[in-house]
Protein backbone atom coordinates (compact mmCIF):
# COMPACT_ATOMS: atom_id res chain seq x y z
CA MET A 1 1.65 8.93 10.84
CA ASP A 2 1.24 9.08 14.60
CA LYS A 3 4.77 8.59 15.91
CA ALA A 4 3.56 8.06 19.48
CA THR A 5 1.40 5.06 18.53
CA PHE A 6 4.04 3.41 16.36
CA GLY A 7 6.77 4.14 18.89
CA GLY A 8 4.65 2.83 21.75
CA VAL A 9 3.94 -0.45 19.97
CA LEU A 10 7.57 -0.95 19.05
CA ILE A 11 8.85 -0.14 22.54
CA ALA A 12 6.29 -2.33 24.31
CA VAL A 13 6.64 -5.38 22.07
CA GLY A 14 10.39 -4.92 21.62
CA GLY A 15 10.97 -4.60 25.35
CA ILE A 16 9.05 -7.78 26.14
CA LEU A 17 10.72 -9.82 23.39
CA ALA A 18 14.15 -8.48 24.34
CA GLY A 19 13.53 -9.52 27.94
CA LEU A 20 12.50 -13.00 26.76
CA LEU A 21 15.66 -13.39 24.71
CA LEU A 22 17.90 -12.09 27.51
CA GLU A 23 16.42 -14.72 29.83
CA GLY A 24 17.49 -17.41 27.40
CA GLY A 25 14.13 -17.92 25.73
CA ASN A 26 13.29 -17.93 22.04
CA LEU A 27 10.43 -16.65 19.93
CA GLY A 28 9.21 -20.17 19.19
CA GLN A 29 8.14 -20.51 22.81
CA VAL A 30 5.49 -17.80 22.45
CA LEU A 31 4.42 -18.44 18.86
CA GLN A 32 1.57 -20.87 19.38
CA PRO A 33 -1.15 -20.78 16.67
CA THR A 34 -3.59 -22.79 18.78
CA ALA A 35 -3.37 -20.37 21.69
CA ALA A 36 -3.80 -17.43 19.32
CA MET A 37 -6.87 -19.05 17.80
CA ILE A 38 -8.47 -19.58 21.21
CA VAL A 39 -7.76 -16.08 22.53
CA PHE A 40 -8.43 -13.95 19.46
CA GLY A 41 -11.29 -16.06 18.17
CA GLY A 42 -12.94 -16.18 21.58
CA THR A 43 -12.47 -12.44 22.10
CA LEU A 44 -13.94 -11.58 18.72
CA GLY A 45 -16.91 -13.86 19.36
CA ALA A 46 -17.60 -12.25 22.73
CA VAL A 47 -17.41 -8.77 21.20
CA LEU A 48 -19.85 -9.76 18.45
CA ILE A 49 -22.28 -11.01 21.08
CA GLN A 50 -22.13 -7.68 22.94
CA PHE A 51 -22.21 -5.27 19.97
CA PRO A 52 -24.10 -5.19 16.66
CA LEU A 53 -22.06 -6.20 13.64
CA ALA A 54 -22.25 -2.70 12.15
CA VAL A 55 -20.70 -1.18 15.29
CA VAL A 56 -17.87 -3.73 15.32
CA LEU A 57 -17.09 -3.16 11.64
CA SER A 58 -17.12 0.62 12.16
CA ALA A 59 -14.76 0.24 15.12
CA PHE A 60 -12.28 -1.75 13.04
CA ARG A 61 -12.50 0.79 10.23
CA ARG A 62 -11.70 3.57 12.69
CA LEU A 63 -8.80 1.57 14.13
CA GLY A 64 -6.47 2.95 11.48
CA HIS A 65 -7.01 6.45 12.87
CA ILE A 66 -4.91 5.67 15.94
CA PHE A 67 -1.88 5.12 13.68
CA ALA A 68 -2.44 8.29 11.68
CA ALA A 69 -2.17 11.95 12.55
CA PRO A 70 -5.49 13.69 13.35
CA ARG A 71 -7.67 14.06 10.26
CA VAL A 72 -8.72 17.59 11.13
CA ASP A 73 -6.57 20.65 11.69
CA PRO A 74 -8.28 22.93 14.22
CA LEU A 75 -6.23 26.00 13.31
CA ALA A 76 -6.96 25.48 9.62
CA THR A 77 -10.66 25.40 10.50
CA VAL A 78 -10.29 28.67 12.42
CA ARG A 79 -8.56 30.28 9.43
CA GLU A 80 -11.32 29.05 7.13
CA LEU A 81 -14.09 30.38 9.37
CA VAL A 82 -12.38 33.76 9.76
CA LYS A 83 -12.06 33.95 5.97
CA PHE A 84 -15.77 33.17 5.64
CA ALA A 85 -16.59 35.87 8.22
CA ASN A 86 -14.58 38.48 6.31
CA GLN A 87 -16.28 37.56 3.04
CA ALA A 88 -19.74 37.57 4.64
CA ARG A 89 -18.96 40.98 6.17
CA ARG A 90 -18.01 42.44 2.80
CA GLU A 91 -20.42 40.71 0.40
CA GLY A 92 -23.13 39.18 2.57
CA ILE A 93 -23.55 35.63 3.77
CA VAL A 94 -25.25 34.57 0.53
CA SER A 95 -21.91 35.11 -1.24
CA LEU A 96 -20.57 32.05 0.57
CA ASP A 97 -22.85 29.83 -1.51
CA ARG A 98 -20.32 29.63 -4.33
CA ILE A 99 -17.61 28.21 -2.09
CA LEU A 100 -19.75 25.45 -0.55
CA PRO A 101 -18.52 22.79 -3.04
CA THR A 102 -14.92 23.47 -1.99
CA ILE A 103 -15.56 22.69 1.70
CA LYS A 104 -14.45 19.12 2.38
CA GLU A 105 -15.66 18.78 5.97
CA PRO A 106 -19.31 17.56 5.79
CA PHE A 107 -20.43 19.03 9.12
CA LEU A 108 -19.07 22.50 8.34
CA ARG A 109 -20.51 22.39 4.83
CA LYS A 110 -23.96 21.41 6.11
CA SER A 111 -23.94 24.08 8.83
CA LEU A 112 -22.89 26.80 6.40
CA MET A 113 -25.46 25.67 3.83
CA LEU A 114 -28.25 26.01 6.40
CA ALA A 115 -26.98 29.46 7.34
CA ILE A 116 -26.91 30.57 3.70
CA ASP A 117 -30.45 29.24 3.24
CA GLY A 118 -31.67 31.67 5.89
CA THR A 119 -32.04 29.41 8.93
CA GLU A 120 -32.38 31.36 12.16
CA PRO A 121 -29.28 31.18 14.42
CA GLN A 122 -31.08 29.48 17.32
CA GLU A 123 -32.78 26.98 15.04
CA LEU A 124 -29.49 26.26 13.28
CA ARG A 125 -27.74 25.68 16.60
CA LYS A 126 -30.52 23.38 17.80
CA MET A 127 -30.49 21.27 14.62
CA MET A 128 -26.72 20.83 14.46
CA GLU A 129 -26.33 20.20 18.19
CA LEU A 130 -28.84 17.38 17.85
CA GLU A 131 -26.71 15.92 15.07
CA LEU A 132 -23.59 16.30 17.21
CA ASP A 133 -25.23 14.52 20.14
CA ASN A 134 -26.37 11.61 17.96
CA GLN A 135 -22.95 11.32 16.35
CA ALA A 136 -21.19 11.42 19.74
CA GLU A 137 -23.42 8.63 21.05
CA GLN A 138 -22.63 6.43 18.05
CA GLU A 139 -18.89 7.11 18.15
CA GLU A 140 -18.73 6.41 21.87
CA ASN A 141 -19.58 2.77 21.13
CA LEU A 142 -16.55 2.45 18.83
CA ALA A 143 -14.10 2.90 21.71
CA HIS A 144 -16.25 0.64 23.90
CA VAL A 145 -15.68 -2.19 21.41
CA PHE A 146 -11.95 -2.21 22.15
CA GLU A 147 -12.47 -1.64 25.86
CA SER A 148 -14.72 -4.70 25.98
CA ALA A 149 -12.25 -6.74 23.94
CA GLY A 150 -9.54 -5.72 26.40
CA GLY A 151 -11.72 -6.97 29.24
CA PHE A 152 -12.58 -10.28 27.57
CA SER A 153 -9.16 -11.32 26.25
CA PRO A 154 -7.37 -11.95 29.60
CA THR A 155 -10.21 -14.20 30.80
CA ILE A 156 -10.30 -16.08 27.51
CA GLY A 157 -6.53 -16.43 27.79
CA ILE A 158 -7.06 -18.17 31.13
CA ILE A 159 -9.61 -20.46 29.47
CA GLY A 160 -6.99 -21.32 26.86
CA ALA A 161 -4.43 -22.04 29.56
CA VAL A 162 -6.84 -24.33 31.42
CA LEU A 163 -7.66 -26.19 28.22
CA GLY A 164 -3.94 -26.69 27.62
CA LEU A 165 -3.44 -27.97 31.16
CA ILE A 166 -6.30 -30.42 30.74
CA GLN A 167 -4.65 -31.84 27.66
CA THR A 168 -1.29 -32.00 29.44
CA MET A 169 -2.67 -33.79 32.50
CA GLN A 170 -4.11 -36.50 30.30
CA HIS A 171 -0.59 -37.51 29.36
CA LEU A 172 1.06 -37.78 32.75
CA ASP A 173 2.54 -41.10 31.65
CA LYS A 174 4.99 -39.06 29.55
CA ILE A 175 6.41 -37.06 32.43
CA ASP A 176 9.18 -35.57 30.33
CA GLU A 177 6.60 -33.75 28.21
CA VAL A 178 4.49 -32.45 31.09
CA GLY A 179 6.71 -29.46 31.81
CA ARG A 180 6.82 -28.43 28.16
CA GLY A 181 3.07 -28.87 27.88
CA ILE A 182 2.42 -26.64 30.89
CA ALA A 183 4.68 -23.95 29.45
CA VAL A 184 2.84 -24.06 26.15
CA ALA A 185 -0.52 -23.89 27.93
CA PHE A 186 0.35 -20.59 29.60
CA VAL A 187 1.11 -18.96 26.25
CA ALA A 188 -2.65 -18.37 25.88
CA THR A 189 -2.58 -16.30 29.07
CA ILE A 190 0.27 -14.24 27.65
CA TYR A 191 -1.73 -13.61 24.48
CA GLY A 192 -4.82 -12.58 26.42
CA VAL A 193 -3.13 -10.28 28.93
CA GLY A 194 -0.64 -8.93 26.39
CA SER A 195 -3.21 -8.06 23.71
CA ALA A 196 -5.43 -6.35 26.29
CA ASN A 197 -2.76 -4.22 27.93
CA LEU A 198 -0.43 -3.60 25.00
CA PHE A 199 -2.99 -2.88 22.31
CA LEU A 200 -6.75 -3.15 22.93
CA LEU A 201 -7.10 -0.88 25.97
CA PRO A 202 -4.52 1.68 24.75
CA ALA A 203 -6.21 1.68 21.33
CA ALA A 204 -9.55 2.43 23.00
CA GLY A 205 -7.99 5.36 24.85
CA LYS A 206 -6.33 6.80 21.74
CA LEU A 207 -9.56 6.39 19.75
CA LYS A 208 -11.45 8.35 22.41
CA ILE A 209 -8.92 11.17 22.05
CA ARG A 210 -9.25 11.17 18.25
CA ILE A 211 -13.05 11.22 18.45
CA ARG A 212 -13.01 14.05 20.98
CA GLU A 213 -10.64 16.07 18.79
CA GLU A 214 -13.10 15.79 15.90
CA GLN A 215 -16.02 16.69 18.17
CA ILE A 216 -14.24 19.85 19.33
CA VAL A 217 -13.64 20.93 15.74
CA HIS A 218 -17.32 20.33 14.93
CA GLU A 219 -18.42 22.33 17.97
CA MET A 220 -16.04 25.10 16.94
CA ALA A 221 -17.35 25.03 13.37
CA LEU A 222 -20.94 25.31 14.58
CA GLU A 223 -20.11 28.21 16.86
CA GLY A 224 -18.28 29.92 14.02
CA VAL A 225 -21.13 29.55 11.54
CA VAL A 226 -23.72 30.77 14.05
CA SER A 227 -21.51 33.76 14.90
CA ILE A 228 -21.09 34.61 11.20
CA LEU A 229 -24.86 34.40 10.80
CA GLU A 230 -25.26 36.79 13.73
CA GLY A 231 -22.80 39.23 12.13
CA MET A 232 -19.96 38.94 14.64
CA ASN A 233 -16.79 40.90 13.92
CA PRO A 234 -14.15 38.59 12.33
CA ARG A 235 -11.50 39.53 14.90
CA MET A 236 -13.89 38.76 17.75
CA LEU A 237 -14.85 35.51 16.03
CA GLU A 238 -11.19 34.52 15.74
CA THR A 239 -10.57 35.08 19.44
CA LYS A 240 -13.75 33.23 20.33
CA LEU A 241 -12.84 30.18 18.23
CA LEU A 242 -9.31 30.01 19.59
CA GLY A 243 -10.89 29.51 23.00
CA PHE A 244 -11.79 25.98 21.87
CA LEU A 245 -8.14 25.07 21.38
CA ALA A 246 -5.14 24.48 23.57
CA GLU A 247 -3.36 27.05 21.41
CA ALA A 248 -5.78 29.68 22.66
CA LYS A 249 -3.09 30.88 25.07
CA LYS A 250 -1.26 32.28 22.06
CA THR A 251 -2.19 35.66 20.69
CA PRO A 252 -4.24 35.69 17.49
CA GLU A 253 -1.28 37.11 15.58
CA GLU A 254 0.74 34.03 16.50
CA THR A 255 -1.88 31.59 15.30
CA VAL A 256 -4.31 32.79 12.69
CA PRO A 257 -3.54 35.71 10.38
CA SER A 258 -6.71 37.71 9.84
CA GLU A 259 -7.65 40.19 7.22
CA SER A 260 -7.97 43.80 8.24
CA ASN A 261 -11.49 44.75 9.14
CA PRO A 262 -13.06 47.80 7.55
């Protein structure tokens, strides 16, 4: 669980609702199903017009990642690559073939499989970098889905408010209900601006961070596999891989225990 995401949502929503209650309001004033239908339905429709359905569905599937801790552990990947380097140094890179089924990360498994199959280091790097570039381009659209939704929702909220005002103005003969009608009409604006700034745009930013974290681990895995294929010393490989991480300022002994090199 990502405590920052959950805490941020609770603080933001709780602070706004607490302010409403302290001003003498009540939750019923902002719970308007019609306004929610206009804002969220209109926003979803606009997003579907801009992006293919497959991209939108993928974006919603990845949405859960902003509430969870990162799926990949960079230091665990470094440890794994250093272990592979030590084994390849002792028994040859072909010996890593028997541990391929135990590798859960698809990108690392594919890179190592190509290395074991005898792919030249430069060719291996070229092939996997092409895959990384294509994957990065696809994943970039996932965050753009929520950025676009955050741009659409405030405007659609204004549309909802105008529609509510139109309905209110048609009943000016009941002057006692005009004020209440205007207040209800502006709830759509609250939904639009609130959803954009409290969830959609922050979610896009957090998703970009999660995607970049995964990309860094993939880049590190590729560099590690190519270095193993080139016969780099495991200790040198460890130091090189730690350069990809923020923890690289620590000494190797503080981060990744390595086996002694012969």
